[in-house]
Amino acid sequence: MAEMDNNDFENMNFDLPPEVLDEIQQNIEEIIRNFPVPETNKLDVIKKINFMYSHTRYLSLTDPLTGLYNRRHLDSNLEREFLRSKRYHNNLSIAVIDIDFFKKVNDTYGHLCGDYVLKEVAYMILDTLRKTDMVFRCGGEEFVALLTETPLEKALIPLERLRKRIEEYPFEYNNNKLQVTISIGVNSTESGVETAGEFLDGADKALYFAKNNGRNQVKTL
């Protein structure tokens, strides 16, 4: 079998839930500790396995193209953050962000151009929002942001800044200048939703409202 290099490892699809990876790591470490070899050798092997485990776990939670958290990580964090906001009476806002007419970009300039746009937009989302906010790529051209301890009114400020920043950004690929815009739907726990599913669904509905009323705008219900 050919030896894998770092690029091969990075490009592997680790479609395993984090809890399964945790169990595998614990079992392997226990097996190694019981090997009849010198203790220093055991520690060296365990360190290497722990490094590989940490990297593999990171890959299982992130989107390989943009480096953002993936849909699986959103699913595991949305419920927790929603319940936390309810328990401690903290405001939590959620934004669903969609690149307008993204299919046209792929069809006109190719998927590599589409990848370029996705990476640039992902970077600008991260750069515009706070480090305490969580950003996820949920497939295709759609992103979700959880804005912790943020009421709706205050969430709209950076999201509108993001919308304008992307609208004015000089996207260019292979000497082709691109006009890229985004539509954003926003919801908040202030709306009185009772479940995390309703919370996300409210932002989805706001996004559809934005897209059906001209795009390139931030909307709430």
C-alpha atoms as a PDB file:
ATOM      1  CA  MET A   1       0.000   0.000   0.000  1.00  0.00           C
ATOM      2  CA  ALA A   2       1.362   3.422  -0.937  1.00  0.00           C
ATOM      3  CA  GLU A   3       2.156   5.719   1.965  1.00  0.00           C
ATOM      4  CA  MET A   4      -0.207   8.688   2.348  1.00  0.00           C
ATOM      5  CA  ASP A   5       1.190  12.198   2.370  1.00  0.00           C
ATOM      6  CA  ASN A   6      -0.321  15.179   4.198  1.00  0.00           C
ATOM      7  CA  ASN A   7      -2.481  16.208   1.241  1.00  0.00           C
ATOM      8  CA  ASP A   8      -3.995  12.732   1.020  1.00  0.00           C
ATOM      9  CA  PHE A   9      -4.807  12.879   4.722  1.00  0.00           C
ATOM     10  CA  GLU A  10      -6.352  16.353   4.448  1.00  0.00           C
ATOM     11  CA  ASN A  11      -8.582  15.308   1.546  1.00  0.00           C
ATOM     12  CA  MET A  12     -10.008  12.203   3.194  1.00  0.00           C
ATOM     13  CA  ASN A  13     -13.706  12.335   4.040  1.00  0.00           C
ATOM     14  CA  PHE A  14     -13.969  11.619   7.757  1.00  0.00           C
ATOM     15  CA  ASP A  15     -17.675  10.925   7.876  1.00  0.00           C
ATOM     16  CA  LEU A  16     -17.707   9.830  11.513  1.00  0.00           C
ATOM     17  CA  PRO A  17     -19.497  11.530  14.390  1.00  0.00           C
ATOM     18  CA  PRO A  18     -17.106  13.127  16.951  1.00  0.00           C
ATOM     19  CA  GLU A  19     -18.358  10.826  19.719  1.00  0.00           C
ATOM     20  CA  VAL A  20     -17.364   7.775  17.653  1.00  0.00           C
ATOM     21  CA  LEU A  21     -13.888   9.240  17.114  1.00  0.00           C
ATOM     22  CA  ASP A  22     -13.627   9.862  20.868  1.00  0.00           C
ATOM     23  CA  GLU A  23     -14.423   6.221  21.597  1.00  0.00           C
ATOM     24  CA  ILE A  24     -11.937   4.957  18.995  1.00  0.00           C
ATOM     25  CA  GLN A  25      -9.187   7.155  20.420  1.00  0.00           C
ATOM     26  CA  GLN A  26      -9.827   5.990  23.990  1.00  0.00           C
ATOM     27  CA  ASN A  27      -9.848   2.324  22.977  1.00  0.00           C
ATOM     28  CA  ILE A  28      -6.610   2.594  20.989  1.00  0.00           C
ATOM     29  CA  GLU A  29      -4.856   4.388  23.839  1.00  0.00           C
ATOM     30  CA  GLU A  30      -5.951   1.681  26.294  1.00  0.00           C
ATOM     31  CA  ILE A  31      -4.658  -1.078  23.975  1.00  0.00           C
ATOM     32  CA  ILE A  32      -1.268   0.596  23.629  1.00  0.00           C
ATOM     33  CA  ARG A  33      -0.914   1.033  27.383  1.00  0.00           C
ATOM     34  CA  ASN A  34      -1.265  -2.751  27.738  1.00  0.00           C
ATOM     35  CA  PHE A  35       1.428  -3.575  25.138  1.00  0.00           C
ATOM     36  CA  PRO A  36       4.518  -5.350  26.576  1.00  0.00           C
ATOM     37  CA  VAL A  37       6.930  -2.639  25.393  1.00  0.00           C
ATOM     38  CA  PRO A  38       9.030  -0.021  27.225  1.00  0.00           C
ATOM     39  CA  GLU A  39       6.979   2.799  28.755  1.00  0.00           C
ATOM     40  CA  THR A  40       8.858   5.496  26.803  1.00  0.00           C
ATOM     41  CA  ASN A  41       7.841   3.820  23.541  1.00  0.00           C
ATOM     42  CA  LYS A  42       4.229   3.693  24.662  1.00  0.00           C
ATOM     43  CA  LEU A  43       4.209   7.393  25.463  1.00  0.00           C
ATOM     44  CA  ASP A  44       5.716   8.267  22.085  1.00  0.00           C
ATOM     45  CA  VAL A  45       3.095   6.207  20.235  1.00  0.00           C
ATOM     46  CA  ILE A  46       0.271   7.661  22.352  1.00  0.00           C
ATOM     47  CA  LYS A  47       1.441  11.222  21.591  1.00  0.00           C
ATOM     48  CA  LYS A  48       1.428  10.512  17.868  1.00  0.00           C
ATOM     49  CA  ILE A  49      -1.996   8.893  18.022  1.00  0.00           C
ATOM     50  CA  ASN A  50      -3.399  11.796  20.033  1.00  0.00           C
ATOM     51  CA  PHE A  51      -2.069  14.223  17.424  1.00  0.00           C
ATOM     52  CA  MET A  52      -3.654  12.244  14.584  1.00  0.00           C
ATOM     53  CA  TYR A  53      -6.880  11.950  16.565  1.00  0.00           C
ATOM     54  CA  SER A  54      -7.074  15.711  17.188  1.00  0.00           C
ATOM     55  CA  HIS A  55      -6.479  16.445  13.517  1.00  0.00           C
ATOM     56  CA  THR A  56      -9.004  13.845  12.373  1.00  0.00           C
ATOM     57  CA  ARG A  57     -11.613  15.185  14.789  1.00  0.00           C
ATOM     58  CA  TYR A  58     -11.020  18.698  13.460  1.00  0.00           C
ATOM     59  CA  LEU A  59     -11.532  17.452   9.888  1.00  0.00           C
ATOM     60  CA  SER A  60     -14.778  15.738  10.897  1.00  0.00           C
ATOM     61  CA  LEU A  61     -16.208  19.075  12.083  1.00  0.00           C
ATOM     62  CA  THR A  62     -15.077  21.387   9.280  1.00  0.00           C
ATOM     63  CA  ASP A  63     -15.837  22.051   5.648  1.00  0.00           C
ATOM     64  CA  PRO A  64     -12.660  21.222   3.659  1.00  0.00           C
ATOM     65  CA  LEU A  65     -13.114  24.038   1.129  1.00  0.00           C
ATOM     66  CA  THR A  66     -13.729  27.021   3.401  1.00  0.00           C
ATOM     67  CA  GLY A  67     -12.391  25.825   6.742  1.00  0.00           C
ATOM     68  CA  LEU A  68     -15.690  26.786   8.384  1.00  0.00           C
ATOM     69  CA  TYR A  69     -17.593  24.438  10.654  1.00  0.00           C
ATOM     70  CA  ASN A  70     -19.809  22.008   8.746  1.00  0.00           C
ATOM     71  CA  ARG A  71     -23.519  21.136   8.974  1.00  0.00           C
ATOM     72  CA  ARG A  72     -22.850  18.313  11.409  1.00  0.00           C
ATOM     73  CA  HIS A  73     -21.227  20.737  13.828  1.00  0.00           C
ATOM     74  CA  LEU A  74     -24.170  23.121  13.462  1.00  0.00           C
ATOM     75  CA  ASP A  75     -26.569  20.314  14.332  1.00  0.00           C
ATOM     76  CA  SER A  76     -24.613  19.512  17.506  1.00  0.00           C
ATOM     77  CA  ASN A  77     -24.236  23.154  18.589  1.00  0.00           C
ATOM     78  CA  LEU A  78     -27.551  24.735  17.648  1.00  0.00           C
ATOM     79  CA  GLU A  79     -29.592  22.883  20.268  1.00  0.00           C
ATOM     80  CA  ARG A  80     -26.989  23.472  22.967  1.00  0.00           C
ATOM     81  CA  GLU A  81     -26.662  27.207  22.311  1.00  0.00           C
ATOM     82  CA  PHE A  82     -30.428  27.617  22.035  1.00  0.00           C
ATOM     83  CA  LEU A  83     -31.070  25.870  25.357  1.00  0.00           C
ATOM     84  CA  ARG A  84     -28.273  27.823  26.997  1.00  0.00           C
ATOM     85  CA  SER A  85     -29.786  31.122  25.870  1.00  0.00           C
ATOM     86  CA  LYS A  86     -33.165  30.069  27.261  1.00  0.00           C
ATOM     87  CA  ARG A  87     -31.742  28.886  30.562  1.00  0.00           C
ATOM     88  CA  TYR A  88     -29.650  31.979  31.246  1.00  0.00           C
ATOM     89  CA  HIS A  89     -32.009  34.419  29.503  1.00  0.00           C
ATOM     90  CA  ASN A  90     -29.315  35.524  27.060  1.00  0.00           C
ATOM     91  CA  ASN A  91     -30.215  36.765  23.613  1.00  0.00           C
ATOM     92  CA  LEU A  92     -29.148  34.560  20.717  1.00  0.00           C
ATOM     93  CA  SER A  93     -29.488  35.487  17.051  1.00  0.00           C
ATOM     94  CA  ILE A  94     -29.107  33.292  13.985  1.00  0.00           C
ATOM     95  CA  ALA A  95     -28.445  34.306  10.386  1.00  0.00           C
ATOM     96  CA  VAL A  96     -28.850  32.190   7.265  1.00  0.00           C
ATOM     97  CA  ILE A  97     -26.672  33.636   4.486  1.00  0.00           C
ATOM     98  CA  ASP A  98     -27.076  32.696   0.831  1.00  0.00           C
ATOM     99  CA  ILE A  99     -25.003  33.803  -2.182  1.00  0.00           C
ATOM    100  CA  ASP A 100     -27.360  35.250  -4.785  1.00  0.00           C
ATOM    101  CA  PHE A 101     -27.486  33.508  -8.192  1.00  0.00           C
ATOM    102  CA  PHE A 102     -24.530  31.303  -7.266  1.00  0.00           C
ATOM    103  CA  LYS A 103     -25.504  28.662  -9.856  1.00  0.00           C
ATOM    104  CA  LYS A 104     -25.022  31.285 -12.544  1.00  0.00           C
ATOM    105  CA  VAL A 105     -21.425  31.817 -11.358  1.00  0.00           C
ATOM    106  CA  ASN A 106     -20.695  28.094 -11.658  1.00  0.00           C
ATOM    107  CA  ASP A 107     -22.440  27.776 -15.019  1.00  0.00           C
ATOM    108  CA  THR A 108     -20.737  30.839 -16.503  1.00  0.00           C
ATOM    109  CA  TYR A 109     -17.212  30.642 -15.105  1.00  0.00           C
ATOM    110  CA  GLY A 110     -16.868  27.068 -13.829  1.00  0.00           C
ATOM    111  CA  HIS A 111     -16.765  25.399 -10.444  1.00  0.00           C
ATOM    112  CA  LEU A 112     -13.243  26.555  -9.632  1.00  0.00           C
ATOM    113  CA  CYS A 113     -14.510  30.113  -9.862  1.00  0.00           C
ATOM    114  CA  GLY A 114     -17.413  29.101  -7.641  1.00  0.00           C
ATOM    115  CA  ASP A 115     -14.944  27.712  -5.105  1.00  0.00           C
ATOM    116  CA  TYR A 116     -13.027  30.993  -5.183  1.00  0.00           C
ATOM    117  CA  VAL A 117     -16.229  32.946  -4.442  1.00  0.00           C
ATOM    118  CA  LEU A 118     -17.184  30.590  -1.612  1.00  0.00           C
ATOM    119  CA  LYS A 119     -13.787  30.934   0.049  1.00  0.00           C
ATOM    120  CA  GLU A 120     -13.776  34.723  -0.247  1.00  0.00           C
ATOM    121  CA  VAL A 121     -17.292  35.019   1.149  1.00  0.00           C
ATOM    122  CA  ALA A 122     -16.451  32.622   3.997  1.00  0.00           C
ATOM    123  CA  TYR A 123     -13.410  34.719   4.894  1.00  0.00           C
ATOM    124  CA  MET A 124     -15.438  37.935   4.902  1.00  0.00           C
ATOM    125  CA  ILE A 125     -18.111  36.410   7.125  1.00  0.00           C
ATOM    126  CA  LEU A 126     -15.487  35.353   9.663  1.00  0.00           C
ATOM    127  CA  ASP A 127     -13.670  38.668   9.408  1.00  0.00           C
ATOM    128  CA  THR A 128     -16.837  40.728   9.879  1.00  0.00           C
ATOM    129  CA  LEU A 129     -18.408  38.824  12.765  1.00  0.00           C
ATOM    130  CA  ARG A 130     -16.929  38.447  16.243  1.00  0.00           C
ATOM    131  CA  LYS A 131     -14.627  35.635  17.261  1.00  0.00           C
ATOM    132  CA  THR A 132     -17.271  34.509  19.754  1.00  0.00           C
ATOM    133  CA  ASP A 133     -19.781  33.960  16.943  1.00  0.00           C
ATOM    134  CA  MET A 134     -19.910  30.580  15.197  1.00  0.00           C
ATOM    135  CA  VAL A 135     -20.034  30.264  11.402  1.00  0.00           C
ATOM    136  CA  PHE A 136     -20.981  27.135   9.473  1.00  0.00           C
ATOM    137  CA  ARG A 137     -21.144  26.164   5.810  1.00  0.00           C
ATOM    138  CA  CYS A 138     -24.285  24.097   5.427  1.00  0.00           C
ATOM    139  CA  GLY A 139     -23.803  22.940   1.871  1.00  0.00           C
ATOM    140  CA  GLY A 140     -23.705  24.632  -1.505  1.00  0.00           C
ATOM    141  CA  GLU A 141     -23.749  28.410  -1.201  1.00  0.00           C
ATOM    142  CA  GLU A 142     -25.498  28.595   2.181  1.00  0.00           C
ATOM    143  CA  PHE A 143     -23.914  29.603   5.480  1.00  0.00           C
ATOM    144  CA  VAL A 144     -25.296  29.888   9.003  1.00  0.00           C
ATOM    145  CA  ALA A 145     -23.993  32.159  11.746  1.00  0.00           C
ATOM    146  CA  LEU A 146     -24.848  31.929  15.445  1.00  0.00           C
ATOM    147  CA  LEU A 147     -24.401  35.320  17.129  1.00  0.00           C
ATOM    148  CA  THR A 148     -24.138  34.646  20.842  1.00  0.00           C
ATOM    149  CA  GLU A 149     -25.479  37.053  23.459  1.00  0.00           C
ATOM    150  CA  THR A 150     -26.758  39.296  20.665  1.00  0.00           C
ATOM    151  CA  PRO A 151     -30.267  40.727  20.391  1.00  0.00           C
ATOM    152  CA  LEU A 152     -31.837  41.069  16.963  1.00  0.00           C
ATOM    153  CA  GLU A 153     -31.275  44.821  16.714  1.00  0.00           C
ATOM    154  CA  LYS A 154     -27.545  44.484  17.349  1.00  0.00           C
ATOM    155  CA  ALA A 155     -27.220  41.424  15.079  1.00  0.00           C
ATOM    156  CA  LEU A 156     -28.495  43.404  12.112  1.00  0.00           C
ATOM    157  CA  ILE A 157     -25.607  45.898  12.313  1.00  0.00           C
ATOM    158  CA  PRO A 158     -22.682  43.551  11.428  1.00  0.00           C
ATOM    159  CA  LEU A 159     -24.857  41.551   9.041  1.00  0.00           C
ATOM    160  CA  GLU A 160     -25.758  44.665   7.063  1.00  0.00           C
ATOM    161  CA  ARG A 161     -22.053  45.614   7.114  1.00  0.00           C
ATOM    162  CA  LEU A 162     -21.251  42.158   5.719  1.00  0.00           C
ATOM    163  CA  ARG A 163     -23.880  42.480   2.985  1.00  0.00           C
ATOM    164  CA  LYS A 164     -22.503  45.826   1.869  1.00  0.00           C
ATOM    165  CA  ARG A 165     -18.901  44.651   2.065  1.00  0.00           C
ATOM    166  CA  ILE A 166     -19.560  41.715  -0.256  1.00  0.00           C
ATOM    167  CA  GLU A 167     -21.575  43.872  -2.648  1.00  0.00           C
ATOM    168  CA  GLU A 168     -18.627  46.287  -2.956  1.00  0.00           C
ATOM    169  CA  TYR A 169     -15.824  43.701  -2.988  1.00  0.00           C
ATOM    170  CA  PRO A 170     -13.869  43.482  -6.298  1.00  0.00           C
ATOM    171  CA  PHE A 171     -14.246  39.766  -7.007  1.00  0.00           C
ATOM    172  CA  GLU A 172     -12.068  38.764  -9.958  1.00  0.00           C
ATOM    173  CA  TYR A 173     -11.266  35.339 -11.375  1.00  0.00           C
ATOM    174  CA  ASN A 174      -9.129  34.735 -14.486  1.00  0.00           C
ATOM    175  CA  ASN A 175      -9.484  38.399 -15.426  1.00  0.00           C
ATOM    176  CA  ASN A 176     -13.269  38.176 -15.125  1.00  0.00           C
ATOM    177  CA  LYS A 177     -14.794  40.739 -12.786  1.00  0.00           C
ATOM    178  CA  LEU A 178     -17.715  39.350 -10.818  1.00  0.00           C
ATOM    179  CA  GLN A 179     -20.598  41.062  -9.075  1.00  0.00           C
ATOM    180  CA  VAL A 180     -21.460  39.008  -5.998  1.00  0.00           C
ATOM    181  CA  THR A 181     -24.215  39.745  -3.515  1.00  0.00           C
ATOM    182  CA  ILE A 182     -25.788  37.884  -0.607  1.00  0.00           C
ATOM    183  CA  SER A 183     -29.216  37.622   0.953  1.00  0.00           C
ATOM    184  CA  ILE A 184     -29.532  37.147   4.719  1.00  0.00           C
ATOM    185  CA  GLY A 185     -32.419  35.961   6.881  1.00  0.00           C
ATOM    186  CA  VAL A 186     -32.217  36.652  10.609  1.00  0.00           C
ATOM    187  CA  ASN A 187     -34.089  35.378  13.653  1.00  0.00           C
ATOM    188  CA  SER A 188     -33.637  35.830  17.394  1.00  0.00           C
ATOM    189  CA  THR A 189     -34.748  34.090  20.577  1.00  0.00           C
ATOM    190  CA  GLU A 190     -36.608  37.337  21.269  1.00  0.00           C
ATOM    191  CA  SER A 191     -39.202  36.087  18.771  1.00  0.00           C
ATOM    192  CA  GLY A 192     -40.429  33.651  21.419  1.00  0.00           C
ATOM    193  CA  VAL A 193     -39.662  30.425  19.549  1.00  0.00           C
ATOM    194  CA  GLU A 194     -39.821  27.318  21.706  1.00  0.00           C
ATOM    195  CA  THR A 195     -37.390  24.973  19.929  1.00  0.00           C
ATOM    196  CA  ALA A 196     -34.057  25.165  18.129  1.00  0.00           C
ATOM    197  CA  GLY A 197     -35.783  23.879  14.995  1.00  0.00           C
ATOM    198  CA  GLU A 198     -38.283  26.759  15.037  1.00  0.00           C
ATOM    199  CA  PHE A 199     -35.391  29.142  15.671  1.00  0.00           C
ATOM    200  CA  LEU A 200     -33.549  28.027  12.525  1.00  0.00           C
ATOM    201  CA  ASP A 201     -36.761  27.770  10.516  1.00  0.00           C
ATOM    202  CA  GLY A 202     -37.549  31.415  11.294  1.00  0.00           C
ATOM    203  CA  ALA A 203     -34.225  32.518   9.829  1.00  0.00           C
ATOM    204  CA  ASP A 204     -34.859  30.322   6.774  1.00  0.00           C
ATOM    205  CA  LYS A 205     -38.239  31.951   6.216  1.00  0.00           C
ATOM    206  CA  ALA A 206     -36.684  35.396   6.540  1.00  0.00           C
ATOM    207  CA  LEU A 207     -34.075  34.401   3.945  1.00  0.00           C
ATOM    208  CA  TYR A 208     -36.770  33.306   1.485  1.00  0.00           C
ATOM    209  CA  PHE A 209     -38.517  36.618   2.068  1.00  0.00           C
ATOM    210  CA  ALA A 210     -35.267  38.453   1.217  1.00  0.00           C
ATOM    211  CA  LYS A 211     -34.715  36.365  -1.920  1.00  0.00           C
ATOM    212  CA  ASN A 212     -38.301  36.765  -3.111  1.00  0.00           C
ATOM    213  CA  ASN A 213     -38.199  40.525  -2.653  1.00  0.00           C
ATOM    214  CA  GLY A 214     -35.153  41.505  -4.679  1.00  0.00           C
ATOM    215  CA  ARG A 215     -32.196  39.730  -2.962  1.00  0.00           C
ATOM    216  CA  ASN A 216     -29.074  41.533  -1.746  1.00  0.00           C
ATOM    217  CA  GLN A 217     -30.706  42.461   1.549  1.00  0.00           C
ATOM    218  CA  VAL A 218     -31.001  41.525   5.223  1.00  0.00           C
ATOM    219  CA  LYS A 219     -34.488  40.573   6.376  1.00  0.00           C
ATOM    220  CA  THR A 220     -36.254  39.456   9.547  1.00  0.00           C
ATOM    221  CA  LEU A 221     -39.731  37.979   9.912  1.00  0.00           C
END
